[in-house]
Amino acid sequence: MPKFEATCGVDPKLLERLICPVSRGALVFDRDRCELISKSARLAFPIRDGLPIMLESEARDLDAEPL
């Protein structure tokens, strides 16, 4: 699988450097959903067209989902 598809079009080195804009904590890359997950802020930031959208207003609230 090409790296482009494996990282949703984002440079893997960029993914390593990004932090959560809310908690300033680490992010976990969810390849299946093309999102960056902040476990401490309980938010999932989308990746659209190869660009991480690091706005709290665009993030998915992980606590709002049923278990």
N, C-alpha and C. Protein backbone atom coordinates (compact mmCIF):
# COMPACT_ATOMS: atom_id res chain seq x y z
N MET A 1 0.84 -1.18 0.00
CA MET A 1 0.00 0.00 0.00
C MET A 1 0.89 1.25 0.00
N PRO A 2 0.64 2.18 -0.90
CA PRO A 2 1.46 3.40 -0.93
C PRO A 2 1.28 4.23 0.33
N LYS A 3 2.32 4.95 0.69
CA LYS A 3 2.26 5.79 1.87
C LYS A 3 1.14 6.82 1.79
N PHE A 4 0.87 7.32 0.59
CA PHE A 4 -0.16 8.34 0.40
C PHE A 4 -1.50 7.85 0.95
N GLU A 5 -1.89 6.63 0.59
CA GLU A 5 -3.15 6.09 1.06
C GLU A 5 -3.10 5.75 2.54
N ALA A 6 -1.97 5.26 3.00
CA ALA A 6 -1.86 4.83 4.38
C ALA A 6 -1.98 5.98 5.37
N THR A 7 -1.68 7.19 4.95
CA THR A 7 -1.75 8.33 5.86
C THR A 7 -2.80 9.35 5.43
N CYS A 8 -3.75 8.94 4.62
CA CYS A 8 -4.84 9.81 4.16
C CYS A 8 -4.32 11.04 3.44
N GLY A 9 -3.17 10.93 2.82
CA GLY A 9 -2.62 12.03 2.05
C GLY A 9 -1.78 13.00 2.83
N VAL A 10 -1.56 12.75 4.12
CA VAL A 10 -0.77 13.64 4.97
C VAL A 10 0.66 13.11 5.07
N ASP A 11 1.61 14.01 5.02
CA ASP A 11 3.01 13.63 5.19
C ASP A 11 3.18 13.00 6.58
N PRO A 12 3.69 11.77 6.64
CA PRO A 12 3.86 11.10 7.94
C PRO A 12 4.71 11.90 8.93
N LYS A 13 5.67 12.66 8.44
CA LYS A 13 6.49 13.48 9.34
C LYS A 13 5.66 14.59 9.99
N LEU A 14 4.69 15.11 9.26
CA LEU A 14 3.79 16.11 9.82
C LEU A 14 2.93 15.49 10.92
N LEU A 15 2.43 14.29 10.66
CA LEU A 15 1.60 13.61 11.66
C LEU A 15 2.35 13.42 12.97
N GLU A 16 3.65 13.17 12.89
CA GLU A 16 4.46 12.98 14.09
C GLU A 16 4.61 14.26 14.90
N ARG A 17 4.51 15.41 14.25
CA ARG A 17 4.77 16.69 14.91
C ARG A 17 3.53 17.41 15.43
N LEU A 18 2.38 17.04 14.93
CA LEU A 18 1.16 17.72 15.33
C LEU A 18 0.78 17.37 16.78
N ILE A 19 0.23 18.37 17.48
CA ILE A 19 -0.29 18.16 18.83
C ILE A 19 -1.72 18.68 18.86
N CYS A 20 -2.44 18.27 19.87
CA CYS A 20 -3.81 18.71 20.04
C CYS A 20 -3.84 20.20 20.37
N PRO A 21 -4.64 20.99 19.65
CA PRO A 21 -4.70 22.42 19.93
C PRO A 21 -5.46 22.74 21.23
N VAL A 22 -6.20 21.79 21.76
CA VAL A 22 -6.97 22.00 22.98
C VAL A 22 -6.15 21.63 24.21
N SER A 23 -5.64 20.41 24.23
CA SER A 23 -4.93 19.91 25.41
C SER A 23 -3.41 20.05 25.31
N ARG A 24 -2.92 20.32 24.12
CA ARG A 24 -1.47 20.36 23.85
C ARG A 24 -0.82 18.99 24.04
N GLY A 25 -1.66 17.95 24.01
CA GLY A 25 -1.17 16.59 24.17
C GLY A 25 -0.95 15.90 22.83
N ALA A 26 -0.52 14.67 22.92
CA ALA A 26 -0.23 13.86 21.73
C ALA A 26 -1.52 13.49 21.01
N LEU A 27 -1.38 13.23 19.71
CA LEU A 27 -2.48 12.78 18.87
C LEU A 27 -2.19 11.38 18.37
N VAL A 28 -3.24 10.61 18.18
CA VAL A 28 -3.13 9.25 17.64
C VAL A 28 -3.81 9.24 16.28
N PHE A 29 -3.11 8.74 15.28
CA PHE A 29 -3.64 8.70 13.92
C PHE A 29 -4.55 7.49 13.77
N ASP A 30 -5.81 7.72 13.40
CA ASP A 30 -6.77 6.66 13.11
C ASP A 30 -6.85 6.52 11.60
N ARG A 31 -6.17 5.55 11.06
CA ARG A 31 -6.07 5.35 9.61
C ARG A 31 -7.43 5.02 9.00
N ASP A 32 -8.24 4.24 9.68
CA ASP A 32 -9.53 3.82 9.13
C ASP A 32 -10.50 4.99 8.96
N ARG A 33 -10.48 5.93 9.88
CA ARG A 33 -11.41 7.06 9.83
C ARG A 33 -10.76 8.34 9.31
N CYS A 34 -9.46 8.29 9.03
CA CYS A 34 -8.72 9.48 8.60
C CYS A 34 -8.93 10.62 9.59
N GLU A 35 -8.59 10.35 10.84
CA GLU A 35 -8.73 11.33 11.90
C GLU A 35 -7.51 11.31 12.80
N LEU A 36 -7.32 12.40 13.50
CA LEU A 36 -6.31 12.48 14.55
C LEU A 36 -7.07 12.55 15.87
N ILE A 37 -6.79 11.60 16.75
CA ILE A 37 -7.51 11.46 18.00
C ILE A 37 -6.71 12.06 19.15
N SER A 38 -7.36 12.92 19.92
CA SER A 38 -6.79 13.43 21.15
C SER A 38 -7.50 12.73 22.30
N LYS A 39 -6.81 11.79 22.91
CA LYS A 39 -7.42 11.04 24.02
C LYS A 39 -7.67 11.93 25.23
N SER A 40 -6.79 12.88 25.47
CA SER A 40 -6.95 13.75 26.64
C SER A 40 -8.10 14.74 26.47
N ALA A 41 -8.31 15.25 25.27
CA ALA A 41 -9.40 16.20 25.02
C ALA A 41 -10.68 15.49 24.58
N ARG A 42 -10.58 14.18 24.29
CA ARG A 42 -11.71 13.38 23.83
C ARG A 42 -12.32 13.94 22.55
N LEU A 43 -11.41 14.32 21.61
CA LEU A 43 -11.82 14.88 20.33
C LEU A 43 -11.13 14.14 19.19
N ALA A 44 -11.80 14.11 18.04
CA ALA A 44 -11.23 13.53 16.83
C ALA A 44 -11.22 14.60 15.75
N PHE A 45 -10.02 14.95 15.30
CA PHE A 45 -9.85 15.99 14.29
C PHE A 45 -9.81 15.34 12.92
N PRO A 46 -10.65 15.78 11.98
CA PRO A 46 -10.70 15.15 10.66
C PRO A 46 -9.51 15.53 9.79
N ILE A 47 -9.25 14.66 8.83
CA ILE A 47 -8.27 14.94 7.78
C ILE A 47 -9.07 14.98 6.48
N ARG A 48 -9.07 16.13 5.82
CA ARG A 48 -9.83 16.31 4.58
C ARG A 48 -8.88 16.70 3.46
N ASP A 49 -8.95 15.99 2.38
CA ASP A 49 -8.10 16.27 1.21
C ASP A 49 -6.63 16.36 1.59
N GLY A 50 -6.21 15.51 2.53
CA GLY A 50 -4.82 15.48 2.94
C GLY A 50 -4.42 16.55 3.94
N LEU A 51 -5.38 17.33 4.42
CA LEU A 51 -5.08 18.40 5.38
C LEU A 51 -5.74 18.13 6.72
N PRO A 52 -4.96 18.06 7.80
CA PRO A 52 -5.55 17.93 9.12
C PRO A 52 -6.29 19.22 9.48
N ILE A 53 -7.54 19.09 9.90
CA ILE A 53 -8.34 20.24 10.30
C ILE A 53 -8.26 20.33 11.82
N MET A 54 -7.41 21.21 12.30
CA MET A 54 -7.10 21.28 13.72
C MET A 54 -7.90 22.36 14.45
N LEU A 55 -9.18 22.45 14.12
CA LEU A 55 -10.07 23.41 14.76
C LEU A 55 -11.00 22.66 15.69
N GLU A 56 -11.13 23.15 16.92
CA GLU A 56 -12.01 22.50 17.88
C GLU A 56 -13.45 22.45 17.37
N SER A 57 -13.86 23.49 16.67
CA SER A 57 -15.22 23.55 16.15
C SER A 57 -15.49 22.50 15.06
N GLU A 58 -14.45 21.98 14.44
CA GLU A 58 -14.59 20.96 13.40
C GLU A 58 -14.38 19.54 13.94
N ALA A 59 -13.94 19.42 15.17
CA ALA A 59 -13.62 18.12 15.75
C ALA A 59 -14.88 17.38 16.17
N ARG A 60 -14.80 16.07 16.13
CA ARG A 60 -15.87 15.20 16.57
C ARG A 60 -15.67 14.92 18.05
N ASP A 61 -16.73 15.09 18.84
CA ASP A 61 -16.69 14.86 20.29
C ASP A 61 -16.81 13.35 20.53
N LEU A 62 -15.78 12.76 21.07
CA LEU A 62 -15.77 11.32 21.30
C LEU A 62 -16.73 10.91 22.42
N ASP A 63 -17.03 11.83 23.34
CA ASP A 63 -17.95 11.52 24.44
C ASP A 63 -19.41 11.54 23.98
N ALA A 64 -19.68 12.13 22.85
CA ALA A 64 -21.05 12.22 22.34
C ALA A 64 -21.49 10.93 21.65
N GLU A 65 -20.56 10.03 21.41
CA GLU A 65 -20.89 8.77 20.73
C GLU A 65 -21.33 7.73 21.73
N PRO A 66 -22.32 6.91 21.35
CA PRO A 66 -22.72 5.82 22.24
C PRO A 66 -21.61 4.76 22.32
N LEU A 67 -21.51 4.11 23.46
CA LEU A 67 -20.49 3.08 23.65
C LEU A 67 -20.86 1.78 23.04
